[in-house]
Amino acid sequence: MKHIIPLISCLFIAACGASPAPEFFGATRTDVTVNGRDYTVFQKGERVEVIRLAYATRGQHQEIRATMIELIPRVTGCKLRESTLQGDSGEMRGSLDCPKQP
């Protein structure tokens, strides 16, 4: 019985996947798979957060970062203000220019 509780805890944590930064609580969440790698995009207003899920080896980070930047307009429909982008190939945040709704 004492082994079941840690196992259940691990399964619960694994099922949660990516969690947003506090700034993104209540944001729209989109889960995307590109080239076999999973990402989660959170959008709240004109702010965005992209999180890579799973491990990446040393040589993969540049490609992952490029993919994360590419995902932002595809998922949000907004243009990334590149000067606001912060983070790395694990998690990045930035501001968006979104089309005004009529």
N, C-alpha and C. Protein backbone atom coordinates (compact mmCIF):
# COMPACT_ATOMS: atom_id res chain seq x y z
N MET A 1 0.82 -1.19 0.00
CA MET A 1 0.00 0.00 0.00
C MET A 1 0.86 1.26 0.00
N LYS A 2 2.00 1.24 0.74
CA LYS A 2 2.83 2.44 0.82
C LYS A 2 3.47 2.79 -0.53
N HIS A 3 3.54 1.83 -1.47
CA HIS A 3 4.10 2.09 -2.79
C HIS A 3 3.06 2.65 -3.74
N ILE A 4 1.80 2.46 -3.44
CA ILE A 4 0.73 2.91 -4.34
C ILE A 4 0.58 4.43 -4.31
N ILE A 5 0.69 5.05 -3.15
CA ILE A 5 0.50 6.50 -3.05
C ILE A 5 1.54 7.25 -3.87
N PRO A 6 2.84 6.94 -3.79
CA PRO A 6 3.80 7.65 -4.65
C PRO A 6 3.53 7.41 -6.13
N LEU A 7 3.12 6.20 -6.47
CA LEU A 7 2.81 5.89 -7.86
C LEU A 7 1.64 6.73 -8.36
N ILE A 8 0.60 6.84 -7.57
CA ILE A 8 -0.56 7.65 -7.95
C ILE A 8 -0.15 9.12 -8.07
N SER A 9 0.69 9.59 -7.17
CA SER A 9 1.17 10.97 -7.23
C SER A 9 1.93 11.23 -8.52
N CYS A 10 2.80 10.31 -8.90
CA CYS A 10 3.57 10.46 -10.15
C CYS A 10 2.66 10.48 -11.36
N LEU A 11 1.67 9.60 -11.38
CA LEU A 11 0.74 9.56 -12.50
C LEU A 11 -0.06 10.85 -12.58
N PHE A 12 -0.47 11.39 -11.45
CA PHE A 12 -1.23 12.64 -11.43
C PHE A 12 -0.38 13.77 -11.99
N ILE A 13 0.87 13.87 -11.56
CA ILE A 13 1.76 14.93 -12.03
C ILE A 13 2.02 14.78 -13.52
N ALA A 14 2.25 13.58 -13.99
CA ALA A 14 2.50 13.34 -15.41
C ALA A 14 1.29 13.70 -16.26
N ALA A 15 0.10 13.47 -15.75
CA ALA A 15 -1.11 13.76 -16.51
C ALA A 15 -1.35 15.25 -16.66
N CYS A 16 -0.79 16.04 -15.78
CA CYS A 16 -1.00 17.49 -15.83
C CYS A 16 -0.29 18.13 -17.01
N GLY A 17 0.82 17.57 -17.44
CA GLY A 17 1.56 18.16 -18.54
C GLY A 17 2.12 19.51 -18.14
N ALA A 18 2.13 20.44 -19.10
CA ALA A 18 2.67 21.76 -18.86
C ALA A 18 1.72 22.61 -18.04
N SER A 19 2.28 23.36 -17.13
CA SER A 19 1.50 24.30 -16.34
C SER A 19 1.97 25.71 -16.69
N PRO A 20 1.04 26.64 -16.83
CA PRO A 20 1.43 28.00 -17.20
C PRO A 20 2.05 28.76 -16.04
N ALA A 21 2.80 29.80 -16.39
CA ALA A 21 3.28 30.74 -15.38
C ALA A 21 2.05 31.44 -14.80
N PRO A 22 2.14 31.95 -13.58
CA PRO A 22 0.97 32.60 -12.97
C PRO A 22 0.31 33.67 -13.85
N GLU A 23 1.11 34.38 -14.61
CA GLU A 23 0.58 35.39 -15.53
C GLU A 23 -0.41 34.80 -16.53
N PHE A 24 -0.30 33.50 -16.80
CA PHE A 24 -1.12 32.85 -17.82
C PHE A 24 -2.24 31.98 -17.24
N PHE A 25 -2.50 32.08 -15.95
CA PHE A 25 -3.64 31.36 -15.38
C PHE A 25 -4.90 31.87 -16.07
N GLY A 26 -5.73 30.95 -16.51
CA GLY A 26 -6.96 31.31 -17.22
C GLY A 26 -6.76 31.53 -18.71
N ALA A 27 -5.54 31.31 -19.21
CA ALA A 27 -5.24 31.51 -20.63
C ALA A 27 -5.82 30.39 -21.48
N THR A 28 -5.94 30.65 -22.77
CA THR A 28 -6.32 29.61 -23.73
C THR A 28 -5.12 28.70 -23.93
N ARG A 29 -5.34 27.40 -23.81
CA ARG A 29 -4.28 26.40 -23.93
C ARG A 29 -4.45 25.64 -25.24
N THR A 30 -3.34 25.49 -25.97
CA THR A 30 -3.33 24.69 -27.19
C THR A 30 -2.15 23.73 -27.12
N ASP A 31 -2.41 22.45 -27.27
CA ASP A 31 -1.35 21.44 -27.30
C ASP A 31 -1.07 21.08 -28.75
N VAL A 32 0.21 21.08 -29.12
CA VAL A 32 0.62 20.88 -30.51
C VAL A 32 1.76 19.88 -30.55
N THR A 33 1.78 19.04 -31.58
CA THR A 33 2.90 18.14 -31.82
C THR A 33 3.51 18.49 -33.17
N VAL A 34 4.81 18.75 -33.18
CA VAL A 34 5.54 19.07 -34.41
C VAL A 34 6.77 18.18 -34.46
N ASN A 35 6.91 17.45 -35.56
CA ASN A 35 8.06 16.55 -35.74
C ASN A 35 8.24 15.62 -34.56
N GLY A 36 7.14 15.13 -34.02
CA GLY A 36 7.18 14.17 -32.93
C GLY A 36 7.45 14.76 -31.55
N ARG A 37 7.56 16.07 -31.45
CA ARG A 37 7.82 16.73 -30.17
C ARG A 37 6.58 17.51 -29.76
N ASP A 38 6.24 17.46 -28.47
CA ASP A 38 5.03 18.10 -27.96
C ASP A 38 5.34 19.46 -27.36
N TYR A 39 4.44 20.40 -27.64
CA TYR A 39 4.53 21.76 -27.12
C TYR A 39 3.17 22.17 -26.59
N THR A 40 3.16 23.09 -25.64
CA THR A 40 1.92 23.69 -25.16
C THR A 40 2.05 25.20 -25.31
N VAL A 41 1.01 25.80 -25.90
CA VAL A 41 0.99 27.24 -26.11
C VAL A 41 -0.14 27.81 -25.26
N PHE A 42 0.18 28.80 -24.44
CA PHE A 42 -0.82 29.51 -23.64
C PHE A 42 -0.91 30.93 -24.18
N GLN A 43 -2.13 31.38 -24.45
CA GLN A 43 -2.34 32.76 -24.89
C GLN A 43 -3.35 33.42 -23.98
N LYS A 44 -2.96 34.60 -23.51
CA LYS A 44 -3.86 35.41 -22.69
C LYS A 44 -3.75 36.84 -23.18
N GLY A 45 -4.79 37.30 -23.86
CA GLY A 45 -4.75 38.63 -24.46
C GLY A 45 -3.65 38.69 -25.49
N GLU A 46 -2.77 39.67 -25.34
CA GLU A 46 -1.66 39.82 -26.28
C GLU A 46 -0.34 39.36 -25.67
N ARG A 47 -0.42 38.31 -24.85
CA ARG A 47 0.77 37.67 -24.28
C ARG A 47 0.72 36.19 -24.62
N VAL A 48 1.89 35.59 -24.78
CA VAL A 48 1.98 34.18 -25.14
C VAL A 48 3.11 33.51 -24.37
N GLU A 49 2.89 32.24 -24.06
CA GLU A 49 3.91 31.40 -23.44
C GLU A 49 3.92 30.07 -24.19
N VAL A 50 5.11 29.61 -24.56
CA VAL A 50 5.27 28.32 -25.24
C VAL A 50 6.17 27.45 -24.37
N ILE A 51 5.73 26.22 -24.14
CA ILE A 51 6.49 25.28 -23.31
C ILE A 51 6.76 24.01 -24.11
N ARG A 52 8.03 23.59 -24.13
CA ARG A 52 8.40 22.32 -24.75
C ARG A 52 8.24 21.24 -23.70
N LEU A 53 7.66 20.14 -24.09
CA LEU A 53 7.52 19.00 -23.19
C LEU A 53 8.57 17.96 -23.55
N ALA A 54 9.08 17.28 -22.59
CA ALA A 54 10.04 16.18 -22.75
C ALA A 54 11.47 16.68 -22.89
N TYR A 55 12.36 15.75 -22.82
CA TYR A 55 13.80 16.00 -22.82
C TYR A 55 14.30 16.35 -24.22
N ALA A 56 15.33 17.18 -24.28
CA ALA A 56 15.99 17.50 -25.55
C ALA A 56 17.49 17.34 -25.35
N THR A 57 18.15 16.80 -26.34
CA THR A 57 19.60 16.64 -26.26
C THR A 57 20.30 17.94 -26.64
N ARG A 58 21.56 18.01 -26.35
CA ARG A 58 22.35 19.23 -26.55
C ARG A 58 22.20 19.81 -27.96
N GLY A 59 22.26 19.04 -28.99
CA GLY A 59 22.21 19.54 -30.37
C GLY A 59 20.83 19.91 -30.89
N GLN A 60 19.80 19.70 -30.11
CA GLN A 60 18.44 19.95 -30.58
C GLN A 60 17.88 21.32 -30.22
N HIS A 61 18.51 22.05 -29.35
CA HIS A 61 17.91 23.26 -28.79
C HIS A 61 17.68 24.38 -29.81
N GLN A 62 18.59 24.58 -30.74
CA GLN A 62 18.41 25.64 -31.73
C GLN A 62 17.19 25.37 -32.61
N GLU A 63 17.03 24.14 -33.06
CA GLU A 63 15.88 23.76 -33.89
C GLU A 63 14.58 23.87 -33.09
N ILE A 64 14.61 23.46 -31.85
CA ILE A 64 13.41 23.54 -30.99
C ILE A 64 12.99 24.99 -30.80
N ARG A 65 13.95 25.85 -30.52
CA ARG A 65 13.64 27.27 -30.33
C ARG A 65 13.00 27.85 -31.60
N ALA A 66 13.54 27.51 -32.77
CA ALA A 66 12.97 28.00 -34.03
C ALA A 66 11.54 27.49 -34.20
N THR A 67 11.30 26.24 -33.85
CA THR A 67 9.95 25.67 -33.94
C THR A 67 9.00 26.38 -33.00
N MET A 68 9.45 26.67 -31.80
CA MET A 68 8.59 27.36 -30.83
C MET A 68 8.21 28.74 -31.34
N ILE A 69 9.15 29.46 -31.93
CA ILE A 69 8.86 30.79 -32.48
C ILE A 69 7.88 30.68 -33.65
N GLU A 70 8.05 29.66 -34.48
CA GLU A 70 7.15 29.43 -35.61
C GLU A 70 5.73 29.09 -35.15
N LEU A 71 5.61 28.39 -34.04
CA LEU A 71 4.29 27.99 -33.53
C LEU A 71 3.45 29.18 -33.08
N ILE A 72 4.07 30.22 -32.61
CA ILE A 72 3.33 31.34 -32.02
C ILE A 72 2.30 31.93 -32.99
N PRO A 73 2.68 32.39 -34.18
CA PRO A 73 1.64 32.95 -35.07
C PRO A 73 0.68 31.87 -35.59
N ARG A 74 1.18 30.67 -35.78
CA ARG A 74 0.32 29.60 -36.29
C ARG A 74 -0.80 29.28 -35.30
N VAL A 75 -0.48 29.22 -34.02
CA VAL A 75 -1.46 28.86 -33.01
C VAL A 75 -2.33 30.05 -32.60
N THR A 76 -1.72 31.22 -32.47
CA THR A 76 -2.45 32.38 -31.93
C THR A 76 -3.14 33.22 -32.99
N GLY A 77 -2.65 33.16 -34.23
CA GLY A 77 -3.18 34.05 -35.27
C GLY A 77 -2.66 35.47 -35.12
N CYS A 78 -1.66 35.66 -34.28
CA CYS A 78 -1.10 36.99 -34.00
C CYS A 78 0.37 37.00 -34.37
N LYS A 79 0.91 38.21 -34.59
CA LYS A 79 2.32 38.38 -34.90
C LYS A 79 3.10 38.55 -33.60
N LEU A 80 4.18 37.82 -33.46
CA LEU A 80 5.06 37.94 -32.30
C LEU A 80 5.84 39.23 -32.39
N ARG A 81 5.87 39.98 -31.31
CA ARG A 81 6.77 41.14 -31.20
C ARG A 81 8.11 40.58 -30.73
N GLU A 82 8.99 40.31 -31.69
CA GLU A 82 10.22 39.56 -31.40
C GLU A 82 11.10 40.22 -30.35
N SER A 83 11.06 41.54 -30.24
CA SER A 83 11.89 42.22 -29.24
C SER A 83 11.45 41.91 -27.81
N THR A 84 10.25 41.36 -27.65
CA THR A 84 9.74 41.04 -26.31
C THR A 84 9.99 39.60 -25.91
N LEU A 85 10.50 38.78 -26.84
CA LEU A 85 10.66 37.35 -26.59
C LEU A 85 11.75 37.10 -25.54
N GLN A 86 11.39 36.30 -24.53
CA GLN A 86 12.33 35.91 -23.49
C GLN A 86 12.21 34.41 -23.27
N GLY A 87 13.32 33.79 -22.92
CA GLY A 87 13.28 32.37 -22.60
C GLY A 87 14.25 31.57 -23.45
N ASP A 88 14.07 30.27 -23.39
CA ASP A 88 14.96 29.36 -24.10
C ASP A 88 14.14 28.24 -24.75
N SER A 89 14.79 27.15 -25.09
CA SER A 89 14.11 26.07 -25.79
C SER A 89 13.21 25.24 -24.88
N GLY A 90 13.15 25.57 -23.62
CA GLY A 90 12.26 24.88 -22.69
C GLY A 90 10.97 25.64 -22.48
N GLU A 91 11.09 26.97 -22.39
CA GLU A 91 9.93 27.82 -22.14
C GLU A 91 10.27 29.23 -22.60
N MET A 92 9.36 29.83 -23.31
CA MET A 92 9.56 31.22 -23.72
C MET A 92 8.24 31.98 -23.66
N ARG A 93 8.36 33.30 -23.45
CA ARG A 93 7.20 34.18 -23.36
C ARG A 93 7.45 35.42 -24.19
N GLY A 94 6.37 36.00 -24.68
CA GLY A 94 6.50 37.23 -25.45
C GLY A 94 5.16 37.93 -25.59
N SER A 95 5.20 39.07 -26.26
CA SER A 95 4.00 39.86 -26.52
C SER A 95 3.61 39.71 -27.98
N LEU A 96 2.34 39.92 -28.25
CA LEU A 96 1.76 39.72 -29.57
C LEU A 96 1.12 41.00 -30.09
N ASP A 97 1.06 41.10 -31.41
CA ASP A 97 0.23 42.10 -32.09
C ASP A 97 -0.88 41.30 -32.75
N CYS A 98 -2.09 41.41 -32.21
CA CYS A 98 -3.22 40.65 -32.71
C CYS A 98 -4.13 41.54 -33.54
N PRO A 99 -4.72 40.97 -34.61
CA PRO A 99 -5.66 41.76 -35.41
C PRO A 99 -6.83 42.21 -34.54
N LYS A 100 -7.26 43.43 -34.75
CA LYS A 100 -8.40 43.95 -34.01
C LYS A 100 -9.68 43.32 -34.53
N GLN A 101 -10.56 42.94 -33.61
CA GLN A 101 -11.84 42.35 -33.95
C GLN A 101 -12.83 43.47 -34.32
N PRO A 102 -13.58 43.33 -35.42
CA PRO A 102 -14.54 44.38 -35.81
C PRO A 102 -15.70 44.46 -34.84
